[in-house]
Amino acid sequence: MEKLDAYLTIKEAASFLGVSPNTLRNWGRDGRIPMHRNPANGYRLFRRSDLEKFLQETAKPSNEIRKAK
């Protein structure tokens, strides 16, 4: 496992994505976003690079949103 400073806690990751921690727990459980566990205590951890990639893949440019209306 990489250094732990490359990871965010569930609260930090949820804030980064703008969702609730429960939503992030569900997404991790469902495999929508990669989730890791702290080897010392088993807490959920999320790699910042995975979160950034998730945002890029799910975000739509504003001009695509206008076209869909």
PDB file of N, CA and C in Angstrom:
ATOM      1  N   MET A   1       0.848  -1.191   0.000  1.00  0.00           N
ATOM      2  CA  MET A   1       0.000   0.000   0.000  1.00  0.00           C
ATOM      3  C   MET A   1       0.880   1.237   0.000  1.00  0.00           C
ATOM      4  N   GLU A   2       0.429   2.258  -0.693  1.00  0.00           N
ATOM      5  CA  GLU A   2       1.154   3.526  -0.738  1.00  0.00           C
ATOM      6  C   GLU A   2       1.141   4.186   0.635  1.00  0.00           C
ATOM      7  N   LYS A   3       1.869   5.291   0.745  1.00  0.00           N
ATOM      8  CA  LYS A   3       1.831   6.061   1.984  1.00  0.00           C
ATOM      9  C   LYS A   3       0.396   6.508   2.243  1.00  0.00           C
ATOM     10  N   LEU A   4       0.028   6.540   3.487  1.00  0.00           N
ATOM     11  CA  LEU A   4      -1.349   6.887   3.836  1.00  0.00           C
ATOM     12  C   LEU A   4      -1.696   8.335   3.531  1.00  0.00           C
ATOM     13  N   ASP A   5      -0.689   9.210   3.365  1.00  0.00           N
ATOM     14  CA  ASP A   5      -1.017  10.607   3.054  1.00  0.00           C
ATOM     15  C   ASP A   5      -1.525  10.784   1.628  1.00  0.00           C
ATOM     16  N   ALA A   6      -1.463   9.727   0.808  1.00  0.00           N
ATOM     17  CA  ALA A   6      -2.031   9.769  -0.545  1.00  0.00           C
ATOM     18  C   ALA A   6      -3.525   9.452  -0.527  1.00  0.00           C
ATOM     19  N   TYR A   7      -4.060   9.161   0.665  1.00  0.00           N
ATOM     20  CA  TYR A   7      -5.445   8.748   0.805  1.00  0.00           C
ATOM     21  C   TYR A   7      -6.241   9.756   1.632  1.00  0.00           C
ATOM     22  N   LEU A   8      -7.552   9.764   1.395  1.00  0.00           N
ATOM     23  CA  LEU A   8      -8.462  10.610   2.162  1.00  0.00           C
ATOM     24  C   LEU A   8      -9.389   9.716   2.978  1.00  0.00           C
ATOM     25  N   THR A   9      -9.770  10.208   4.154  1.00  0.00           N
ATOM     26  CA  THR A   9     -10.770   9.498   4.948  1.00  0.00           C
ATOM     27  C   THR A   9     -12.115   9.623   4.253  1.00  0.00           C
ATOM     28  N   ILE A  10     -13.072   8.870   4.722  1.00  0.00           N
ATOM     29  CA  ILE A  10     -14.397   8.923   4.089  1.00  0.00           C
ATOM     30  C   ILE A  10     -15.003  10.319   4.202  1.00  0.00           C
ATOM     31  N   LYS A  11     -14.796  10.978   5.338  1.00  0.00           N
ATOM     32  CA  LYS A  11     -15.341  12.328   5.517  1.00  0.00           C
ATOM     33  C   LYS A  11     -14.667  13.309   4.559  1.00  0.00           C
ATOM     34  N   GLU A  12     -13.346  13.230   4.437  1.00  0.00           N
ATOM     35  CA  GLU A  12     -12.617  14.116   3.530  1.00  0.00           C
ATOM     36  C   GLU A  12     -12.994  13.843   2.078  1.00  0.00           C
ATOM     37  N   ALA A  13     -13.101  12.561   1.725  1.00  0.00           N
ATOM     38  CA  ALA A  13     -13.442  12.193   0.349  1.00  0.00           C
ATOM     39  C   ALA A  13     -14.857  12.622  -0.006  1.00  0.00           C
ATOM     40  N   ALA A  14     -15.786  12.469   0.927  1.00  0.00           N
ATOM     41  CA  ALA A  14     -17.168  12.884   0.683  1.00  0.00           C
ATOM     42  C   ALA A  14     -17.239  14.391   0.463  1.00  0.00           C
ATOM     43  N   SER A  15     -16.504  15.136   1.254  1.00  0.00           N
ATOM     44  CA  SER A  15     -16.453  16.588   1.085  1.00  0.00           C
ATOM     45  C   SER A  15     -15.834  16.957  -0.266  1.00  0.00           C
ATOM     46  N   PHE A  16     -14.783  16.264  -0.643  1.00  0.00           N
ATOM     47  CA  PHE A  16     -14.109  16.501  -1.927  1.00  0.00           C
ATOM     48  C   PHE A  16     -15.074  16.308  -3.093  1.00  0.00           C
ATOM     49  N   LEU A  17     -15.926  15.279  -3.003  1.00  0.00           N
ATOM     50  CA  LEU A  17     -16.877  14.980  -4.083  1.00  0.00           C
ATOM     51  C   LEU A  17     -18.192  15.730  -3.954  1.00  0.00           C
ATOM     52  N   GLY A  18     -18.456  16.295  -2.783  1.00  0.00           N
ATOM     53  CA  GLY A  18     -19.706  17.011  -2.577  1.00  0.00           C
ATOM     54  C   GLY A  18     -20.892  16.093  -2.333  1.00  0.00           C
ATOM     55  N   VAL A  19     -20.633  14.951  -1.711  1.00  0.00           N
ATOM     56  CA  VAL A  19     -21.699  14.001  -1.387  1.00  0.00           C
ATOM     57  C   VAL A  19     -21.614  13.654   0.092  1.00  0.00           C
ATOM     58  N   SER A  20     -22.592  12.928   0.589  1.00  0.00           N
ATOM     59  CA  SER A  20     -22.569  12.524   1.992  1.00  0.00           C
ATOM     60  C   SER A  20     -21.663  11.298   2.159  1.00  0.00           C
ATOM     61  N   PRO A  21     -21.147  11.098   3.368  1.00  0.00           N
ATOM     62  CA  PRO A  21     -20.346   9.893   3.615  1.00  0.00           C
ATOM     63  C   PRO A  21     -21.123   8.602   3.329  1.00  0.00           C
ATOM     64  N   ASN A  22     -22.425   8.585   3.608  1.00  0.00           N
ATOM     65  CA  ASN A  22     -23.213   7.384   3.322  1.00  0.00           C
ATOM     66  C   ASN A  22     -23.284   7.093   1.827  1.00  0.00           C
ATOM     67  N   THR A  23     -23.404   8.135   1.015  1.00  0.00           N
ATOM     68  CA  THR A  23     -23.400   7.947  -0.441  1.00  0.00           C
ATOM     69  C   THR A  23     -22.075   7.346  -0.882  1.00  0.00           C
ATOM     70  N   LEU A  24     -20.998   7.865  -0.338  1.00  0.00           N
ATOM     71  CA  LEU A  24     -19.670   7.363  -0.702  1.00  0.00           C
ATOM     72  C   LEU A  24     -19.488   5.916  -0.242  1.00  0.00           C
ATOM     73  N   ARG A  25     -19.999   5.570   0.924  1.00  0.00           N
ATOM     74  CA  ARG A  25     -19.951   4.174   1.391  1.00  0.00           C
ATOM     75  C   ARG A  25     -20.680   3.263   0.392  1.00  0.00           C
ATOM     76  N   ASN A  26     -21.849   3.706  -0.048  1.00  0.00           N
ATOM     77  CA  ASN A  26     -22.624   2.910  -1.018  1.00  0.00           C
ATOM     78  C   ASN A  26     -21.874   2.761  -2.333  1.00  0.00           C
ATOM     79  N   TRP A  27     -21.313   3.858  -2.833  1.00  0.00           N
ATOM     80  CA  TRP A  27     -20.570   3.799  -4.095  1.00  0.00           C
ATOM     81  C   TRP A  27     -19.364   2.869  -3.985  1.00  0.00           C
ATOM     82  N   GLY A  28     -18.678   2.912  -2.849  1.00  0.00           N
ATOM     83  CA  GLY A  28     -17.535   2.022  -2.644  1.00  0.00           C
ATOM     84  C   GLY A  28     -17.973   0.564  -2.581  1.00  0.00           C
ATOM     85  N   ARG A  29     -19.048   0.305  -1.853  1.00  0.00           N
ATOM     86  CA  ARG A  29     -19.567  -1.054  -1.723  1.00  0.00           C
ATOM     87  C   ARG A  29     -20.027  -1.598  -3.079  1.00  0.00           C
ATOM     88  N   ASP A  30     -20.635  -0.729  -3.892  1.00  0.00           N
ATOM     89  CA  ASP A  30     -21.148  -1.139  -5.203  1.00  0.00           C
ATOM     90  C   ASP A  30     -20.068  -1.191  -6.285  1.00  0.00           C
ATOM     91  N   GLY A  31     -18.859  -0.743  -5.951  1.00  0.00           N
ATOM     92  CA  GLY A  31     -17.761  -0.783  -6.916  1.00  0.00           C
ATOM     93  C   GLY A  31     -17.730   0.393  -7.873  1.00  0.00           C
ATOM     94  N   ARG A  32     -18.531   1.419  -7.618  1.00  0.00           N
ATOM     95  CA  ARG A  32     -18.533   2.588  -8.506  1.00  0.00           C
ATOM     96  C   ARG A  32     -17.278   3.426  -8.341  1.00  0.00           C
ATOM     97  N   ILE A  33     -16.655   3.337  -7.176  1.00  0.00           N
ATOM     98  CA  ILE A  33     -15.446   4.095  -6.891  1.00  0.00           C
ATOM     99  C   ILE A  33     -14.514   3.194  -6.078  1.00  0.00           C
ATOM    100  N   PRO A  34     -13.221   3.156  -6.413  1.00  0.00           N
ATOM    101  CA  PRO A  34     -12.302   2.282  -5.675  1.00  0.00           C
ATOM    102  C   PRO A  34     -12.193   2.683  -4.204  1.00  0.00           C
ATOM    103  N   MET A  35     -12.264   1.680  -3.345  1.00  0.00           N
ATOM    104  CA  MET A  35     -12.184   1.909  -1.910  1.00  0.00           C
ATOM    105  C   MET A  35     -11.086   1.009  -1.351  1.00  0.00           C
ATOM    106  N   HIS A  36     -10.335   1.536  -0.421  1.00  0.00           N
ATOM    107  CA  HIS A  36      -9.258   0.785   0.214  1.00  0.00           C
ATOM    108  C   HIS A  36      -9.509   0.785   1.718  1.00  0.00           C
ATOM    109  N   ARG A  37      -8.791  -0.065   2.419  1.00  0.00           N
ATOM    110  CA  ARG A  37      -8.923  -0.139   3.875  1.00  0.00           C
ATOM    111  C   ARG A  37      -7.578   0.163   4.522  1.00  0.00           C
ATOM    112  N   ASN A  38      -7.633   0.908   5.619  1.00  0.00           N
ATOM    113  CA  ASN A  38      -6.435   1.180   6.401  1.00  0.00           C
ATOM    114  C   ASN A  38      -6.006  -0.145   7.037  1.00  0.00           C
ATOM    115  N   PRO A  39      -4.758  -0.558   6.818  1.00  0.00           N
ATOM    116  CA  PRO A  39      -4.336  -1.857   7.348  1.00  0.00           C
ATOM    117  C   PRO A  39      -4.301  -1.907   8.879  1.00  0.00           C
ATOM    118  N   ALA A  40      -4.183  -0.764   9.530  1.00  0.00           N
ATOM    119  CA  ALA A  40      -4.093  -0.738  10.986  1.00  0.00           C
ATOM    120  C   ALA A  40      -5.456  -0.843  11.661  1.00  0.00           C
ATOM    121  N   ASN A  41      -6.482  -0.205  11.072  1.00  0.00           N
ATOM    122  CA  ASN A  41      -7.768  -0.149  11.764  1.00  0.00           C
ATOM    123  C   ASN A  41      -8.969  -0.524  10.893  1.00  0.00           C
ATOM    124  N   GLY A  42      -8.767  -0.781   9.607  1.00  0.00           N
ATOM    125  CA  GLY A  42      -9.854  -1.193   8.728  1.00  0.00           C
ATOM    126  C   GLY A  42     -10.755  -0.087   8.229  1.00  0.00           C
ATOM    127  N   TYR A  43     -10.435   1.173   8.551  1.00  0.00           N
ATOM    128  CA  TYR A  43     -11.258   2.295   8.082  1.00  0.00           C
ATOM    129  C   TYR A  43     -11.173   2.409   6.565  1.00  0.00           C
ATOM    130  N   ARG A  44     -12.255   2.913   5.974  1.00  0.00           N
ATOM    131  CA  ARG A  44     -12.280   3.135   4.527  1.00  0.00           C
ATOM    132  C   ARG A  44     -11.366   4.300   4.167  1.00  0.00           C
ATOM    133  N   LEU A  45     -10.639   4.124   3.068  1.00  0.00           N
ATOM    134  CA  LEU A  45      -9.771   5.177   2.547  1.00  0.00           C
ATOM    135  C   LEU A  45      -9.985   5.278   1.049  1.00  0.00           C
ATOM    136  N   PHE A  46      -9.831   6.484   0.534  1.00  0.00           N
ATOM    137  CA  PHE A  46     -10.017   6.739  -0.890  1.00  0.00           C
ATOM    138  C   PHE A  46      -8.806   7.488  -1.415  1.00  0.00           C
ATOM    139  N   ARG A  47      -8.232   6.994  -2.501  1.00  0.00           N
ATOM    140  CA  ARG A  47      -7.067   7.632  -3.107  1.00  0.00           C
ATOM    141  C   ARG A  47      -7.530   8.878  -3.850  1.00  0.00           C
ATOM    142  N   ARG A  48      -6.854   9.996  -3.601  1.00  0.00           N
ATOM    143  CA  ARG A  48      -7.223  11.268  -4.230  1.00  0.00           C
ATOM    144  C   ARG A  48      -7.253  11.141  -5.757  1.00  0.00           C
ATOM    145  N   SER A  49      -6.292  10.460  -6.326  1.00  0.00           N
ATOM    146  CA  SER A  49      -6.251  10.317  -7.794  1.00  0.00           C
ATOM    147  C   SER A  49      -7.475   9.556  -8.307  1.00  0.00           C
ATOM    148  N   ASP A  50      -7.964   8.577  -7.541  1.00  0.00           N
ATOM    149  CA  ASP A  50      -9.184   7.854  -7.934  1.00  0.00           C
ATOM    150  C   ASP A  50     -10.395   8.777  -7.904  1.00  0.00           C
ATOM    151  N   LEU A  51     -10.450   9.646  -6.898  1.00  0.00           N
ATOM    152  CA  LEU A  51     -11.569  10.586  -6.791  1.00  0.00           C
ATOM    153  C   LEU A  51     -11.555  11.585  -7.945  1.00  0.00           C
ATOM    154  N   GLU A  52     -10.371  12.086  -8.283  1.00  0.00           N
ATOM    155  CA  GLU A  52     -10.252  13.027  -9.398  1.00  0.00           C
ATOM    156  C   GLU A  52     -10.659  12.359 -10.710  1.00  0.00           C
ATOM    157  N   LYS A  53     -10.251  11.119 -10.901  1.00  0.00           N
ATOM    158  CA  LYS A  53     -10.614  10.378 -12.111  1.00  0.00           C
ATOM    159  C   LYS A  53     -12.130  10.165 -12.166  1.00  0.00           C
ATOM    160  N   PHE A  54     -12.723   9.830 -11.029  1.00  0.00           N
ATOM    161  CA  PHE A  54     -14.178   9.640 -10.953  1.00  0.00           C
ATOM    162  C   PHE A  54     -14.899  10.919 -11.356  1.00  0.00           C
ATOM    163  N   LEU A  55     -14.434  12.059 -10.845  1.00  0.00           N
ATOM    164  CA  LEU A  55     -15.060  13.341 -11.194  1.00  0.00           C
ATOM    165  C   LEU A  55     -14.945  13.629 -12.692  1.00  0.00           C
ATOM    166  N   GLN A  56     -13.792  13.366 -13.264  1.00  0.00           N
ATOM    167  CA  GLN A  56     -13.598  13.608 -14.697  1.00  0.00           C
ATOM    168  C   GLN A  56     -14.510  12.727 -15.544  1.00  0.00           C
ATOM    169  N   GLU A  57     -14.677  11.484 -15.125  1.00  0.00           N
ATOM    170  CA  GLU A  57     -15.497  10.548 -15.896  1.00  0.00           C
ATOM    171  C   GLU A  57     -16.991  10.840 -15.778  1.00  0.00           C
ATOM    172  N   THR A  58     -17.409  11.390 -14.655  1.00  0.00           N
ATOM    173  CA  THR A  58     -18.837  11.610 -14.448  1.00  0.00           C
ATOM    174  C   THR A  58     -19.296  13.024 -14.771  1.00  0.00           C
ATOM    175  N   ALA A  59     -18.366  13.945 -14.853  1.00  0.00           N
ATOM    176  CA  ALA A  59     -18.733  15.341 -15.116  1.00  0.00           C
ATOM    177  C   ALA A  59     -19.018  15.540 -16.606  1.00  0.00           C
ATOM    178  N   LYS A  60     -20.045  16.335 -16.874  1.00  0.00           N
ATOM    179  CA  LYS A  60     -20.361  16.693 -18.255  1.00  0.00           C
ATOM    180  C   LYS A  60     -20.094  18.180 -18.433  1.00  0.00           C
ATOM    181  N   PRO A  61     -19.497  18.548 -19.553  1.00  0.00           N
ATOM    182  CA  PRO A  61     -19.348  19.976 -19.826  1.00  0.00           C
ATOM    183  C   PRO A  61     -20.716  20.646 -19.899  1.00  0.00           C
ATOM    184  N   SER A  62     -20.781  21.893 -19.528  1.00  0.00           N
ATOM    185  CA  SER A  62     -22.057  22.602 -19.476  1.00  0.00           C
ATOM    186  C   SER A  62     -22.753  22.660 -20.834  1.00  0.00           C
ATOM    187  N   ASN A  63     -22.010  22.696 -21.924  1.00  0.00           N
ATOM    188  CA  ASN A  63     -22.653  22.749 -23.241  1.00  0.00           C
ATOM    189  C   ASN A  63     -23.364  21.438 -23.567  1.00  0.00           C
ATOM    190  N   GLU A  64     -22.917  20.301 -23.036  1.00  0.00           N
ATOM    191  CA  GLU A  64     -23.623  19.050 -23.260  1.00  0.00           C
ATOM    192  C   GLU A  64     -24.921  19.014 -22.475  1.00  0.00           C
ATOM    193  N   ILE A  65     -24.944  19.629 -21.315  1.00  0.00           N
ATOM    194  CA  ILE A  65     -26.161  19.673 -20.504  1.00  0.00           C
ATOM    195  C   ILE A  65     -27.220  20.518 -21.234  1.00  0.00           C
ATOM    196  N   ARG A  66     -26.801  21.640 -21.799  1.00  0.00           N
ATOM    197  CA  ARG A  66     -27.748  22.499 -22.526  1.00  0.00           C
ATOM    198  C   ARG A  66     -28.326  21.784 -23.740  1.00  0.00           C
ATOM    199  N   LYS A  67     -27.505  21.004 -24.457  1.00  0.00           N
ATOM    200  CA  LYS A  67     -27.972  20.290 -25.639  1.00  0.00           C
ATOM    201  C   LYS A  67     -29.018  19.236 -25.287  1.00  0.00           C
ATOM    202  N   ALA A  68     -28.890  18.653 -24.105  1.00  0.00           N
ATOM    203  CA  ALA A  68     -29.806  17.580 -23.694  1.00  0.00           C
ATOM    204  C   ALA A  68     -31.197  18.115 -23.378  1.00  0.00           C
ATOM    205  N   LYS A  69     -31.340  19.394 -23.052  1.00  0.00           N
ATOM    206  CA  LYS A  69     -32.645  19.960 -22.692  1.00  0.00           C
ATOM    207  C   LYS A  69     -33.523  20.184 -23.864  1.00  0.00           C
TER     208      LYS A  69
END
